Amino acid sequence: MLLSILFPICTVVLLGYFAVRSQFIETSAIQFLGQFVMKVALPAFLLQALASKSLSEIWHPAYFLGYGGGSILLFIFAFLLYRHYFNSNLTHASVLAMGASMSNTGFIGTAILTLLIGSQSAIYLSLTLIVENLIIVALMLILAERGLQSSAKSGWQVYAETVQRLLKNPVILSILLGMLCVLLNFKLPQAIAQVLEMLGKTASPLALFVIGGSLVGMQIKSVNLQSIVLVAFKVLLMPLTIFGILWALDVNREMLFVGTLLAALPMPIAFGIFGQHYGLHEKALAPLVLSTVFGFVMVAILLTQSGKYF
């Protein structure tokens, strides 16, 4: 099981890395491929998979409560730690808290879960992406913008802009459309479903290729206590927290394993993007690189136990 999942994942990641490292593919092309995954392929996969299922198959309140509750707890804990112990300002503390409580679900999570459980992965990916985008990213944006807020911009303007930004996210729109199809018991026309399925099948391999290409040029210039703590939050504390909450909620074994696996993934690339945007620079890049390395190690360890849960 472990080799059948890790071998194709590592191979495609390495292909992406060496393709960019050897300049066989330009770095700018990786950025475009990443946009294609997040704006076309992944939304197509989620919409097609969700629209083909019933409400009872999709909605798992225990998983949503467990993963969402654990993510919020970690966000708050990390935010308070960086705000008061490390004396970070409001904006920086909120971005670092995002890094401690959010996984690379869109790229790595999609690839691993698709290989592990096929189309069933869309259910967990959708619920997890809702938590990450509508709760964690929203919290981060609101707090970060409040930290930069000028007197001319009211709190309600910040909230409205955040909601508007989220509703423009293709991943969120595809999940909402998929859920709407389920609630209305509407089945997509066969021709449209086939197109979405074709596009969706490209999400997993392209996501891994982009991850590999994105690693080129990444360097850790400085590692300090803040970076180490943040990586420990993400790679160790988050999977332990999610596992504990889901176990306490008595979810089934598949749900328990998938939630823990997704929580153990590295930080999202978006963390580095937001970090650069809000002036964190190396404070964001170093933990992002470290979490990518140690996150893959943690995922490999967890996959050795997958046979006990499926």
Protein backbone atom coordinates (compact mmCIF):
# COMPACT_ATOMS: atom_id res chain seq x y z
CA MET A 1 0.00 0.00 0.00
CA LEU A 2 2.72 2.46 1.01
CA LEU A 3 4.87 1.86 -2.08
CA SER A 4 1.88 1.95 -4.46
CA ILE A 5 0.95 5.43 -3.17
CA LEU A 6 4.32 7.02 -2.40
CA PHE A 7 6.15 5.87 -5.55
CA PRO A 8 3.90 7.70 -8.08
CA ILE A 9 3.68 10.73 -5.79
CA CYS A 10 7.44 11.05 -5.30
CA THR A 11 8.12 10.30 -8.98
CA VAL A 12 5.85 13.05 -10.27
CA VAL A 13 7.19 15.53 -7.68
CA LEU A 14 10.76 14.72 -8.75
CA LEU A 15 9.82 15.07 -12.42
CA GLY A 16 8.48 18.55 -11.69
CA TYR A 17 11.59 19.46 -9.72
CA PHE A 18 14.10 18.28 -12.34
CA ALA A 19 12.05 19.67 -15.24
CA VAL A 20 12.33 23.16 -13.75
CA ARG A 21 15.85 22.68 -12.36
CA SER A 22 17.15 21.68 -15.81
CA GLN A 23 15.13 24.53 -17.38
CA PHE A 24 13.30 21.99 -19.55
CA ILE A 25 10.22 23.86 -18.31
CA GLU A 26 10.40 27.52 -17.34
CA THR A 27 9.57 28.59 -13.80
CA SER A 28 6.81 30.86 -15.10
CA ALA A 29 5.08 27.81 -16.62
CA ILE A 30 4.82 26.25 -13.15
CA GLN A 31 2.92 29.31 -11.97
CA PHE A 32 0.45 28.94 -14.83
CA LEU A 33 0.06 25.21 -14.15
CA GLY A 34 -0.62 25.99 -10.51
CA GLN A 35 -3.33 28.43 -11.50
CA PHE A 36 -4.84 25.83 -13.82
CA VAL A 37 -5.01 23.30 -10.98
CA MET A 38 -6.62 25.68 -8.49
CA LYS A 39 -8.91 27.51 -10.92
CA VAL A 40 -9.90 24.77 -13.37
CA ALA A 41 -8.85 21.17 -12.63
CA LEU A 42 -9.58 20.98 -8.89
CA PRO A 43 -12.91 22.86 -9.12
CA ALA A 44 -13.95 20.55 -11.98
CA PHE A 45 -13.03 17.47 -9.95
CA LEU A 46 -14.94 18.66 -6.88
CA LEU A 47 -18.03 19.78 -8.79
CA GLN A 48 -18.34 16.56 -10.79
CA ALA A 49 -17.70 14.30 -7.80
CA LEU A 50 -20.07 16.15 -5.46
CA ALA A 51 -22.90 16.50 -7.99
CA SER A 52 -22.91 12.73 -8.53
CA LYS A 53 -23.59 11.94 -4.87
CA SER A 54 -26.50 12.19 -2.45
CA LEU A 55 -26.67 14.42 0.62
CA SER A 56 -26.24 11.47 3.00
CA GLU A 57 -22.98 10.56 1.25
CA ILE A 58 -21.56 14.06 1.37
CA TRP A 59 -22.57 15.68 4.63
CA HIS A 60 -20.64 14.37 7.64
CA PRO A 61 -21.23 16.87 10.48
CA ALA A 62 -18.92 15.00 12.89
CA TYR A 63 -15.98 15.35 10.49
CA PHE A 64 -16.77 19.00 9.78
CA LEU A 65 -17.10 19.76 13.50
CA GLY A 66 -13.96 17.82 14.41
CA TYR A 67 -11.68 19.13 11.69
CA GLY A 68 -13.11 22.63 11.84
CA GLY A 69 -13.02 22.81 15.62
CA GLY A 70 -9.47 21.52 15.78
CA SER A 71 -8.29 23.96 13.12
CA ILE A 72 -9.87 26.92 14.93
CA LEU A 73 -8.34 25.87 18.27
CA LEU A 74 -4.88 25.65 16.69
CA PHE A 75 -5.34 28.99 14.93
CA ILE A 76 -6.29 30.71 18.20
CA PHE A 77 -3.49 29.03 20.18
CA ALA A 78 -0.84 29.89 17.57
CA PHE A 79 -2.17 33.44 17.17
CA LEU A 80 -1.97 34.13 20.92
CA LEU A 81 1.48 32.55 21.13
CA TYR A 82 2.95 34.64 18.33
CA ARG A 83 1.09 37.77 19.35
CA HIS A 84 2.05 37.78 23.02
CA TYR A 85 5.09 35.51 23.49
CA PHE A 86 6.98 36.31 20.27
CA ASN A 87 5.60 39.90 20.19
CA SER A 88 4.45 39.74 16.57
CA ASN A 89 2.09 42.44 15.35
CA LEU A 90 -1.56 41.64 14.59
CA THR A 91 -1.00 41.10 10.86
CA HIS A 92 2.04 38.84 11.19
CA ALA A 93 0.53 36.80 14.05
CA SER A 94 -2.59 36.08 12.00
CA VAL A 95 -0.59 34.87 8.97
CA LEU A 96 1.62 32.65 11.15
CA ALA A 97 -1.50 31.25 12.84
CA MET A 98 -2.80 30.30 9.39
CA GLY A 99 0.42 28.40 8.73
CA ALA A 100 -0.04 26.47 11.98
CA SER A 101 -3.64 25.43 11.26
CA MET A 102 -3.99 24.90 7.50
CA SER A 103 -2.73 22.14 5.19
CA ASN A 104 -1.78 21.86 1.55
CA THR A 105 -5.10 20.15 0.83
CA GLY A 106 -5.62 21.53 -2.66
CA PHE A 107 -2.38 20.17 -4.12
CA ILE A 108 -0.87 17.37 -2.01
CA GLY A 109 -4.11 16.32 -0.30
CA THR A 110 -5.91 15.93 -3.61
CA ALA A 111 -3.12 13.79 -5.06
CA ILE A 112 -2.73 11.47 -2.06
CA LEU A 113 -6.42 10.97 -1.29
CA THR A 114 -7.30 10.35 -4.94
CA LEU A 115 -4.76 7.52 -5.05
CA LEU A 116 -5.91 6.24 -1.67
CA ILE A 117 -9.72 6.24 -1.95
CA GLY A 118 -10.60 7.46 -5.45
CA SER A 119 -13.67 9.64 -6.00
CA GLN A 120 -14.64 9.24 -2.34
CA SER A 121 -11.82 11.71 -1.65
CA ALA A 122 -13.96 14.57 -3.03
CA ILE A 123 -16.17 14.42 0.07
CA TYR A 124 -13.32 14.87 2.53
CA LEU A 125 -11.51 17.36 0.32
CA SER A 126 -14.65 19.50 0.02
CA LEU A 127 -15.39 19.55 3.74
CA THR A 128 -11.73 20.28 4.54
CA LEU A 129 -11.44 23.02 1.93
CA ILE A 130 -14.60 24.65 3.31
CA VAL A 131 -12.99 24.73 6.76
CA GLU A 132 -9.71 26.07 5.40
CA ASN A 133 -11.11 28.71 3.04
CA LEU A 134 -14.30 29.88 4.74
CA ILE A 135 -12.94 29.76 8.28
CA ILE A 136 -9.13 29.79 8.52
CA VAL A 137 -8.33 31.97 5.49
CA ALA A 138 -11.25 34.26 6.32
CA LEU A 139 -10.03 34.66 9.91
CA MET A 140 -6.50 35.38 8.71
CA LEU A 141 -7.60 37.95 6.13
CA ILE A 142 -9.87 39.77 8.57
CA LEU A 143 -7.20 39.98 11.29
CA ALA A 144 -4.37 40.76 8.86
CA GLU A 145 -6.32 43.55 7.19
CA ARG A 146 -7.39 44.91 10.58
CA GLY A 147 -3.72 45.13 11.46
CA LEU A 148 -3.10 47.25 8.38
CA GLN A 149 -6.41 49.06 8.50
CA SER A 150 -6.48 52.78 7.88
CA SER A 151 -8.95 55.04 9.61
CA ALA A 152 -10.78 55.45 6.31
CA LYS A 153 -11.77 51.78 6.16
CA SER A 154 -14.38 50.48 8.59
CA GLY A 155 -14.51 46.99 10.06
CA TRP A 156 -17.55 46.15 7.94
CA GLN A 157 -15.66 47.11 4.80
CA VAL A 158 -12.91 44.66 5.73
CA TYR A 159 -15.48 41.88 6.31
CA ALA A 160 -17.30 42.64 3.05
CA GLU A 161 -14.07 42.62 1.04
CA THR A 162 -13.06 39.30 2.65
CA VAL A 163 -16.40 37.67 1.79
CA GLN A 164 -16.20 39.05 -1.75
CA ARG A 165 -12.69 37.64 -2.18
CA LEU A 166 -13.76 34.21 -0.91
CA LEU A 167 -16.80 34.07 -3.19
CA LYS A 168 -14.53 34.69 -6.18
CA ASN A 169 -12.48 31.60 -5.29
CA PRO A 170 -13.21 28.91 -7.94
CA VAL A 171 -12.72 26.11 -5.40
CA ILE A 172 -15.34 27.57 -3.08
CA LEU A 173 -17.71 28.24 -5.98
CA SER A 174 -17.38 24.65 -7.23
CA ILE A 175 -18.13 23.27 -3.76
CA LEU A 176 -21.16 25.54 -3.37
CA LEU A 177 -22.45 24.57 -6.84
CA GLY A 178 -21.87 20.90 -6.11
CA MET A 179 -23.73 21.13 -2.81
CA LEU A 180 -26.56 22.99 -4.55
CA CYS A 181 -26.87 20.17 -7.10
CA VAL A 182 -27.08 17.69 -4.23
CA LEU A 183 -29.71 19.68 -2.33
CA LEU A 184 -31.84 20.12 -5.46
CA ASN A 185 -31.23 16.51 -6.50
CA PHE A 186 -30.01 17.83 -9.85
CA LYS A 187 -27.78 15.60 -11.96
CA LEU A 188 -25.37 17.18 -14.39
CA PRO A 189 -25.95 16.40 -18.09
CA GLN A 190 -23.75 13.52 -19.20
CA ALA A 191 -21.76 15.66 -21.65
CA ILE A 192 -20.92 18.25 -18.97
CA ALA A 193 -20.09 15.56 -16.42
CA GLN A 194 -17.66 13.95 -18.89
CA VAL A 195 -15.90 17.27 -19.55
CA LEU A 196 -15.58 17.94 -15.82
CA GLU A 197 -14.31 14.42 -15.23
CA MET A 198 -11.64 14.81 -17.91
CA LEU A 199 -10.46 18.10 -16.41
CA GLY A 200 -10.66 16.73 -12.88
CA LYS A 201 -8.37 13.81 -13.69
CA THR A 202 -5.56 16.28 -14.40
CA ALA A 203 -5.73 17.83 -10.91
CA SER A 204 -3.76 15.17 -9.06
CA PRO A 205 -0.72 14.71 -11.37
CA LEU A 206 -0.46 18.41 -12.21
CA ALA A 207 -0.65 19.38 -8.53
CA LEU A 208 2.29 17.10 -7.71
CA PHE A 209 4.26 18.36 -10.72
CA VAL A 210 3.68 21.95 -9.55
CA ILE A 211 4.81 21.08 -6.01
CA GLY A 212 8.06 19.66 -7.39
CA GLY A 213 8.67 22.63 -9.67
CA SER A 214 7.92 25.06 -6.86
CA LEU A 215 10.69 23.57 -4.71
CA VAL A 216 13.37 24.76 -7.12
CA GLY A 217 15.15 27.79 -5.73
CA MET A 218 13.70 27.47 -2.25
CA GLN A 219 16.42 27.99 0.33
CA ILE A 220 16.38 28.16 4.09
CA LYS A 221 18.47 31.17 4.98
CA SER A 222 17.64 31.28 8.67
CA VAL A 223 15.93 28.93 11.09
CA ASN A 224 14.98 30.23 14.51
CA LEU A 225 12.73 29.25 17.40
CA GLN A 226 9.67 30.81 15.76
CA SER A 227 10.16 28.70 12.63
CA ILE A 228 10.70 25.49 14.59
CA VAL A 229 7.62 26.10 16.74
CA LEU A 230 5.48 26.82 13.68
CA VAL A 231 6.60 23.62 11.92
CA ALA A 232 5.98 21.62 15.11
CA PHE A 233 2.47 23.09 15.29
CA LYS A 234 1.71 22.08 11.73
CA VAL A 235 3.37 18.71 11.36
CA LEU A 236 2.96 17.31 14.90
CA LEU A 237 0.37 19.19 16.94
CA MET A 238 -2.26 19.59 14.21
CA PRO A 239 -2.58 15.86 13.32
CA LEU A 240 -2.57 14.95 17.01
CA THR A 241 -5.29 17.50 17.74
CA ILE A 242 -7.50 16.48 14.82
CA PHE A 243 -7.03 12.79 15.64
CA GLY A 244 -7.97 13.40 19.28
CA ILE A 245 -11.12 15.39 18.48
CA LEU A 246 -12.32 13.00 15.75
CA TRP A 247 -11.63 10.03 18.01
CA ALA A 248 -13.63 11.69 20.81
CA LEU A 249 -16.51 12.22 18.35
CA ASP A 250 -16.42 8.47 17.60
CA VAL A 251 -16.18 8.82 13.80
CA ASN A 252 -15.56 5.77 11.62
CA ARG A 253 -12.00 4.54 11.00
CA GLU A 254 -11.77 5.89 7.46
CA MET A 255 -12.80 9.37 8.57
CA LEU A 256 -10.39 9.26 11.50
CA PHE A 257 -7.46 8.32 9.27
CA VAL A 258 -8.27 10.77 6.46
CA GLY A 259 -8.69 13.69 8.86
CA THR A 260 -5.39 12.92 10.56
CA LEU A 261 -3.61 12.45 7.23
CA LEU A 262 -4.84 15.78 5.85
CA ALA A 263 -3.88 17.52 9.09
CA ALA A 264 -0.33 16.15 8.80
CA LEU A 265 0.24 17.61 5.33
CA PRO A 266 2.71 20.49 4.86
CA MET A 267 1.64 24.12 4.98
CA PRO A 268 -0.10 25.40 1.84
CA ILE A 269 1.86 27.36 -0.76
CA ALA A 270 -0.66 30.14 -0.09
CA PHE A 271 1.02 30.62 3.31
CA GLY A 272 4.21 31.68 1.55
CA ILE A 273 2.25 33.94 -0.80
CA PHE A 274 0.39 35.65 2.04
CA GLY A 275 3.62 35.83 4.02
CA GLN A 276 5.33 37.74 1.22
CA HIS A 277 2.28 39.97 0.72
CA TYR A 278 2.12 40.94 4.39
CA GLY A 279 5.87 41.45 4.85
CA LEU A 280 6.94 38.26 6.64
CA HIS A 281 9.42 37.21 3.91
CA GLU A 282 11.94 34.70 5.39
CA LYS A 283 9.76 34.20 8.48
CA ALA A 284 7.27 32.52 6.16
CA LEU A 285 9.62 30.88 3.65
CA ALA A 286 11.76 28.96 6.17
CA PRO A 287 8.85 27.19 7.94
CA LEU A 288 7.16 26.55 4.57
CA VAL A 289 10.21 24.67 3.28
CA LEU A 290 10.74 22.80 6.56
CA SER A 291 7.09 21.79 6.78
CA THR A 292 7.23 20.48 3.21
CA VAL A 293 10.11 18.17 4.10
CA PHE A 294 8.86 16.99 7.48
CA GLY A 295 5.24 16.91 6.32
CA PHE A 296 6.10 14.36 3.64
CA VAL A 297 7.93 12.29 6.25
CA MET A 298 4.90 12.37 8.57
CA VAL A 299 2.55 11.46 5.72
CA ALA A 300 4.79 8.52 4.77
CA ILE A 301 4.71 7.29 8.38
CA LEU A 302 0.91 7.58 8.51
CA LEU A 303 0.49 5.76 5.19
CA THR A 304 2.27 2.74 6.66
CA GLN A 305 -0.72 2.45 8.98
CA SER A 306 -3.40 2.92 6.30
CA GLY A 307 -4.10 -0.81 6.06
CA LYS A 308 -5.50 -0.76 9.58
CA TYR A 309 -8.13 1.84 8.69
CA PHE A 310 -9.38 0.76 5.25
